Structure formats: C-alpha cells, structure tokens
Amino acid sequence: MEPVLVAQALNALFGIASLAIVALGLAVVLGLLGVLNLAHGELVMVGAYCAWVAQQNGWPYLTAVPLALVVCGILGYAVERWLVRPLYQRPFDTLVVTWGLSLLLRKCAEAIFGLGYKSLSEPIGGTVDVLGATYPRFRLVLIGVSAVVLGGLVLWYAKSRTGTRIKAMAGNPDLARALGIPVARYASATFIVGTCLAGLAGVLIAPLVPVQPFMGLDHVLMSFFVLVVGGLGSVGGLLTGSAVIGGTNSVVSALSDSTGGYFAVLALAIVFLWLRPRGIHART
C-alpha cells in the first residue's frame, strides 16, 4: 500500500478517535439526562489547561489526568447540584444556564492564563513506521487510549448493576424512583462522569492543539455535529457520527484546507438536521 494512503487513513482514524473522545462526555449527558451542555467545550478547555499546568511545573504528563478529573469532577458536581438539577425537563432553560456557564469559564481562563496561545510538547515523541508510512507515536497512543476508554465505558454500562440502574433512570425516572432507585444521585453521577470525560479529552488533545480560552467553541460545535449525524442513545451512533464527521473533515482538509473541511462538516450537519434530524442511530 502506498505510504501516502496509509498516512491519510491513519489521519482519518486519528480524527475519528479524537472526535469520539471529545464528544463522549456530551453524548453521555445529552443521551442519558437530556441536557445539552453548552459548556462542554469549556470543560475540554479546563482539561487542556490542567495538562499545561502539569507540564509547566515539570510534573509527569500523566499527573494531568487526575488533576483534570478532580477539577472537572468538582465543577460537574457544583453545576449539576445548583444549576442543572432544578431545570431538568426544561431544555431551553438548561441551554441558557450552560451557555452562561461557558462564558464564565472562558472569562475565568482569560483572567488566570491570559488570551495568548499555550503550546505543549508531546509527552511521547518520535515516530513509528506503519506499513511504510511514518506516523507520530503520540497520535497512535491517543487512538489506542480512545478505544480503551470507549470500550471500557460500554462494557461497564452494559454489564454492571449501576449501568442497569442508570438505564432505568434514563428510560423512566418516575418508575425508577418508585422502585427505590436514587434517581437524583445517579443523575448527579452521570453528569459528573460527562464532565470528567470532557476534562480527560482536553488532556489527551492538549499537545496537538493551541490551548487558549476560546478553544472550547470548536469542540462543542464538532461534538454537536457528531451527535446530529450519529444520533443519541448508542455507542454506535457516537462512532458513526465521529466516523462521518471526522472522515469528512480529514479528507476535505487534505484536499483543500482546514476551513474547507469545517464548512464541509457544517453543510453535512445541516443536511442531516433537514433530512434525518434524529441521526443515523436514533434511539427508539
């Protein structure tokens, strides 16, 4: 196989994996709680800044993971407990509240870190030979970590007792409450998991993107496009949406530029909203 084709295929796979891990937290919160968290991109930004802080202080890069999980977990608990919980079943109000939260987090990042771009060095440098193509090691690691996180979450949700209770809560909260399931506690835990996944995504992608206060805007939009195309309620929808959006962006960007790739993705999302608003794998 031609090295150029191998490299392009790996780029497409990397685009799909990075999109899936970034969109995962939003998919969890929207799919299970019905809350479109417009601050999702800013939580990815928080994770990226945690990685920058770890690297600036000379800590091992892996220390950014627990740091981001703790910070985003605390934020998730506070937001769910005092902002989102009173607004369940009121989607427009949750949109307004999380939009306001995104502005607040962005301004806090500006005040603490400034408006300048922060760049991180890749924690795993060098390249490897893949079927004749030279490819960065860190990108291959990110693909592998994304697969492990997605697979682990799917297995836990499908096989664990807690996952079964969360399914019951998402399907019929009133019946779950009548059966003695602590719906409020599971809803809070689900929201916190979604915010922690956003922070983890920020840590993973931080060495590959400019870290700055407005970086969350692109990530929340791309995550939303993934869910529009793939649909809610299944990992298949998340992966399909990531494959369609990530593949389209990768191919069009390679043929033209990143702006062309973004507009191609935007046009595709608009077509799906028009012709198939519930996505490819809509939950019935």
Protein backbone atom coordinates (compact mmCIF):
# COMPACT_ATOMS: atom_id res chain seq x y z
CA MET A 1 0.00 0.00 0.00
CA GLU A 2 1.20 3.49 -0.83
CA PRO A 3 2.64 5.29 2.23
CA VAL A 4 0.60 8.40 1.37
CA LEU A 5 -2.64 6.40 1.51
CA VAL A 6 -1.61 4.75 4.78
CA ALA A 7 -0.82 8.15 6.31
CA GLN A 8 -4.16 9.53 5.13
CA ALA A 9 -6.01 6.53 6.54
CA LEU A 10 -4.23 6.95 9.88
CA ASN A 11 -5.08 10.67 9.88
CA ALA A 12 -8.73 9.80 9.29
CA LEU A 13 -8.62 7.23 12.11
CA PHE A 14 -6.99 9.77 14.39
CA GLY A 15 -9.67 12.34 13.51
CA ILE A 16 -12.41 9.83 14.30
CA ALA A 17 -10.81 8.76 17.61
CA SER A 18 -10.17 12.32 18.81
CA LEU A 19 -13.71 13.39 17.86
CA ALA A 20 -15.23 10.38 19.62
CA ILE A 21 -13.34 11.01 22.86
CA VAL A 22 -14.19 14.74 22.79
CA ALA A 23 -17.89 14.11 22.03
CA LEU A 24 -18.24 11.24 24.54
CA GLY A 25 -18.93 13.44 27.57
CA LEU A 26 -21.56 15.45 25.70
CA ALA A 27 -23.16 12.23 24.44
CA VAL A 28 -23.39 10.81 27.98
CA VAL A 29 -25.05 13.92 29.42
CA LEU A 30 -27.38 14.58 26.49
CA GLY A 31 -28.25 10.95 25.82
CA LEU A 32 -28.98 9.96 29.44
CA LEU A 33 -30.13 13.21 31.03
CA GLY A 34 -31.49 15.15 28.06
CA VAL A 35 -29.24 18.11 28.89
CA LEU A 36 -27.37 19.82 26.05
CA ASN A 37 -24.36 21.14 27.97
CA LEU A 38 -23.12 24.14 26.01
CA ALA A 39 -20.22 24.43 28.47
CA HIS A 40 -18.87 21.07 27.30
CA GLY A 41 -16.19 22.71 25.15
CA GLU A 42 -15.03 24.85 28.07
CA LEU A 43 -14.67 21.71 30.21
CA VAL A 44 -12.42 20.30 27.46
CA MET A 45 -10.51 23.58 27.73
CA VAL A 46 -10.18 23.13 31.52
CA GLY A 47 -8.66 19.70 30.94
CA ALA A 48 -6.22 21.14 28.40
CA TYR A 49 -5.12 23.85 30.84
CA CYS A 50 -4.62 21.18 33.52
CA ALA A 51 -2.23 19.46 31.12
CA TRP A 52 -0.41 22.75 30.51
CA VAL A 53 -0.09 23.42 34.26
CA ALA A 54 1.31 19.92 34.80
CA GLN A 55 3.87 20.34 32.03
CA GLN A 56 4.85 23.85 33.11
CA ASN A 57 5.59 22.59 36.62
CA GLY A 58 7.70 19.73 35.32
CA TRP A 59 5.31 17.05 36.54
CA PRO A 60 4.89 13.78 34.64
CA TYR A 61 2.26 14.25 31.97
CA LEU A 62 0.06 11.52 33.46
CA THR A 63 -0.44 13.69 36.58
CA ALA A 64 -2.62 15.92 34.38
CA VAL A 65 -5.20 13.12 34.22
CA PRO A 66 -6.12 13.01 37.94
CA LEU A 67 -5.78 16.80 38.12
CA ALA A 68 -8.28 17.26 35.29
CA LEU A 69 -10.63 14.60 36.72
CA VAL A 70 -10.65 16.28 40.13
CA VAL A 71 -11.16 19.81 38.79
CA CYS A 72 -13.83 18.82 36.27
CA GLY A 73 -15.48 16.48 38.79
CA ILE A 74 -15.84 19.31 41.31
CA LEU A 75 -17.17 21.61 38.59
CA GLY A 76 -19.58 18.92 37.42
CA TYR A 77 -20.91 18.32 40.93
CA ALA A 78 -21.44 22.03 41.58
CA VAL A 79 -23.06 22.70 38.22
CA GLU A 80 -25.43 19.74 38.42
CA ARG A 81 -26.35 20.36 42.06
CA TRP A 82 -27.04 24.08 41.91
CA LEU A 83 -27.65 24.96 38.25
CA VAL A 84 -28.91 21.98 36.25
CA ARG A 85 -30.85 19.87 38.78
CA PRO A 86 -33.67 22.43 39.26
CA LEU A 87 -34.04 22.66 35.45
CA TYR A 88 -34.46 19.02 34.36
CA GLN A 89 -37.29 18.68 31.83
CA ARG A 90 -36.74 22.34 30.88
CA PRO A 91 -34.32 22.04 27.94
CA PHE A 92 -34.34 25.70 26.92
CA ASP A 93 -33.50 26.82 30.46
CA THR A 94 -30.60 24.35 30.68
CA LEU A 95 -29.32 25.69 27.36
CA VAL A 96 -29.32 29.24 28.73
CA VAL A 97 -27.69 28.22 32.02
CA THR A 98 -24.92 26.15 30.43
CA TRP A 99 -24.32 28.87 27.82
CA GLY A 100 -23.83 31.35 30.67
CA LEU A 101 -21.50 28.87 32.37
CA SER A 102 -19.43 28.58 29.19
CA LEU A 103 -18.98 32.37 29.13
CA LEU A 104 -17.99 32.38 32.82
CA LEU A 105 -15.42 29.59 32.39
CA ARG A 106 -13.98 31.32 29.35
CA LYS A 107 -13.58 34.61 31.21
CA CYS A 108 -12.03 32.81 34.19
CA ALA A 109 -9.49 31.22 31.84
CA GLU A 110 -8.72 34.63 30.36
CA ALA A 111 -8.20 36.11 33.82
CA ILE A 112 -5.94 33.27 35.00
CA PHE A 113 -3.98 32.35 31.88
CA GLY A 114 -4.41 35.33 29.56
CA LEU A 115 -5.54 35.36 25.94
CA GLY A 116 -2.31 34.03 24.46
CA TYR A 117 -1.89 30.58 22.99
CA LYS A 118 -0.24 27.92 25.14
CA SER A 119 1.62 25.13 23.41
CA LEU A 120 2.56 21.78 24.91
CA SER A 121 5.20 19.35 23.82
CA GLU A 122 4.04 15.83 23.04
CA PRO A 123 4.70 13.58 26.06
CA ILE A 124 5.54 10.69 23.73
CA GLY A 125 7.77 11.91 20.94
CA GLY A 126 9.12 10.29 17.83
CA THR A 127 7.51 8.38 15.02
CA VAL A 128 6.92 4.76 14.07
CA ASP A 129 6.78 3.03 10.71
CA VAL A 130 3.29 1.77 9.82
CA LEU A 131 3.15 -0.10 6.50
CA GLY A 132 5.83 2.16 5.07
CA ALA A 133 4.33 5.40 6.40
CA THR A 134 5.97 7.40 9.18
CA TYR A 135 3.43 8.37 11.84
CA PRO A 136 3.74 10.17 15.23
CA ARG A 137 3.73 7.86 18.24
CA PHE A 138 1.54 10.13 20.35
CA ARG A 139 -1.28 10.11 17.81
CA LEU A 140 -1.25 6.31 17.77
CA VAL A 141 -1.36 6.31 21.58
CA LEU A 142 -4.33 8.68 21.52
CA ILE A 143 -6.16 6.34 19.12
CA GLY A 144 -5.48 3.41 21.46
CA VAL A 145 -6.50 5.29 24.63
CA SER A 146 -9.72 6.47 22.96
CA ALA A 147 -10.58 2.89 22.03
CA VAL A 148 -9.87 1.66 25.59
CA VAL A 149 -11.96 4.43 27.21
CA LEU A 150 -14.89 3.87 24.84
CA GLY A 151 -14.73 0.09 25.17
CA GLY A 152 -14.41 0.21 28.95
CA LEU A 153 -17.36 2.58 29.31
CA VAL A 154 -19.52 0.45 27.04
CA LEU A 155 -18.74 -2.76 28.95
CA TRP A 156 -19.35 -1.10 32.32
CA TYR A 157 -22.65 0.40 31.18
CA ALA A 158 -23.83 -2.88 29.65
CA LYS A 159 -22.71 -5.32 32.36
CA SER A 160 -22.65 -3.51 35.70
CA ARG A 161 -25.53 -3.21 38.16
CA THR A 162 -25.04 0.56 38.29
CA GLY A 163 -25.27 0.74 34.50
CA THR A 164 -28.59 -1.12 34.62
CA ARG A 165 -29.94 1.34 37.18
CA ILE A 166 -28.80 4.29 35.07
CA LYS A 167 -30.64 2.78 32.08
CA ALA A 168 -33.78 2.56 34.20
CA MET A 169 -33.33 6.16 35.34
CA ALA A 170 -32.87 7.39 31.77
CA GLY A 171 -35.81 5.35 30.44
CA ASN A 172 -38.41 6.19 33.09
CA PRO A 173 -37.27 8.33 36.04
CA ASP A 174 -40.62 8.16 37.86
CA LEU A 175 -40.80 4.36 37.71
CA ALA A 176 -37.14 4.09 38.73
CA ARG A 177 -37.83 6.34 41.71
CA ALA A 178 -40.83 4.21 42.68
CA LEU A 179 -38.60 1.11 42.62
CA GLY A 180 -36.25 2.72 45.11
CA ILE A 181 -33.51 3.78 42.70
CA PRO A 182 -31.89 7.05 43.93
CA VAL A 183 -32.54 8.96 40.70
CA ALA A 184 -31.08 12.26 41.90
CA ARG A 185 -27.83 10.59 42.94
CA TYR A 186 -27.46 8.68 39.68
CA ALA A 187 -28.30 11.78 37.63
CA SER A 188 -25.61 13.71 39.50
CA ALA A 189 -23.08 10.91 38.99
CA THR A 190 -23.92 10.74 35.28
CA PHE A 191 -23.39 14.48 34.87
CA ILE A 192 -20.09 14.32 36.76
CA VAL A 193 -18.89 11.44 34.57
CA GLY A 194 -19.72 13.52 31.49
CA THR A 195 -17.71 16.49 32.76
CA CYS A 196 -14.78 14.27 33.74
CA LEU A 197 -14.75 12.70 30.27
CA ALA A 198 -14.59 16.22 28.81
CA GLY A 199 -11.60 17.01 31.03
CA LEU A 200 -9.87 13.76 30.04
CA ALA A 201 -10.41 14.63 26.38
CA GLY A 202 -8.78 18.01 26.98
CA VAL A 203 -5.70 16.34 28.49
CA LEU A 204 -5.40 13.96 25.52
CA ILE A 205 -5.69 16.58 22.78
CA ALA A 206 -3.80 19.42 24.52
CA PRO A 207 -0.38 18.68 22.91
CA LEU A 208 -1.98 18.68 19.45
CA VAL A 209 -3.98 21.93 19.52
CA PRO A 210 -3.36 25.54 20.60
CA VAL A 211 -4.58 25.82 24.20
CA GLN A 212 -6.45 29.09 24.70
CA PRO A 213 -9.72 30.32 26.29
CA PHE A 214 -11.77 30.11 23.09
CA MET A 215 -10.73 26.58 22.10
CA GLY A 216 -13.95 25.14 23.52
CA LEU A 217 -16.14 26.73 20.84
CA ASP A 218 -14.87 24.48 18.05
CA HIS A 219 -15.00 21.38 20.22
CA VAL A 220 -18.59 21.82 21.37
CA LEU A 221 -19.69 22.51 17.80
CA MET A 222 -17.91 19.46 16.39
CA SER A 223 -19.27 17.31 19.22
CA PHE A 224 -22.78 18.53 18.47
CA PHE A 225 -22.29 17.74 14.77
CA VAL A 226 -21.23 14.19 15.73
CA LEU A 227 -24.44 13.69 17.71
CA VAL A 228 -26.59 15.25 14.99
CA VAL A 229 -25.25 12.80 12.41
CA GLY A 230 -24.91 9.71 14.60
CA GLY A 231 -27.96 10.13 16.80
CA LEU A 232 -28.39 9.72 20.53
CA GLY A 233 -28.68 6.67 22.72
CA SER A 234 -25.97 4.32 21.47
CA VAL A 235 -22.23 3.99 21.14
CA GLY A 236 -22.87 3.02 17.53
CA GLY A 237 -24.33 6.47 16.96
CA LEU A 238 -21.32 8.12 18.56
CA LEU A 239 -18.87 6.10 16.49
CA THR A 240 -20.84 6.51 13.26
CA GLY A 241 -21.16 10.26 13.77
CA SER A 242 -17.45 10.51 14.59
CA ALA A 243 -16.57 8.47 11.50
CA VAL A 244 -18.73 10.57 9.18
CA ILE A 245 -17.72 13.94 10.62
CA GLY A 246 -14.07 13.07 11.29
CA GLY A 247 -13.63 11.32 7.95
CA THR A 248 -15.25 14.17 6.01
CA ASN A 249 -13.17 16.79 7.83
CA SER A 250 -9.94 14.83 7.30
CA VAL A 251 -10.50 14.15 3.58
CA VAL A 252 -11.73 17.64 2.66
CA SER A 253 -8.99 19.31 4.73
CA ALA A 254 -6.37 17.21 2.93
CA LEU A 255 -7.79 18.16 -0.47
CA SER A 256 -8.24 21.87 0.29
CA ASP A 257 -7.59 23.31 3.78
CA SER A 258 -8.96 23.22 7.33
CA THR A 259 -11.53 25.93 6.55
CA GLY A 260 -12.89 23.86 3.68
CA GLY A 261 -13.08 20.83 5.97
CA TYR A 262 -15.03 22.77 8.58
CA PHE A 263 -17.53 24.10 6.04
CA ALA A 264 -17.99 20.61 4.60
CA VAL A 265 -18.80 19.29 8.08
CA LEU A 266 -21.19 22.19 8.72
CA ALA A 267 -23.01 21.54 5.43
CA LEU A 268 -23.26 17.84 6.25
CA ALA A 269 -24.74 18.56 9.68
CA ILE A 270 -27.31 20.92 8.14
CA VAL A 271 -28.33 18.23 5.63
CA PHE A 272 -28.83 15.71 8.44
CA LEU A 273 -30.83 18.20 10.51
CA TRP A 274 -33.06 18.73 7.50
CA LEU A 275 -33.44 15.18 6.16
CA ARG A 276 -32.74 12.96 9.18
CA PRO A 277 -32.99 15.08 12.35
CA ARG A 278 -32.77 12.09 14.71
CA GLY A 279 -29.49 10.89 13.20
CA ILE A 280 -28.42 7.55 11.78
CA HIS A 281 -28.77 5.56 15.01
CA ALA A 282 -31.65 7.30 16.72
CA ARG A 283 -32.85 5.83 19.99
CA THR A 284 -36.37 4.46 19.64
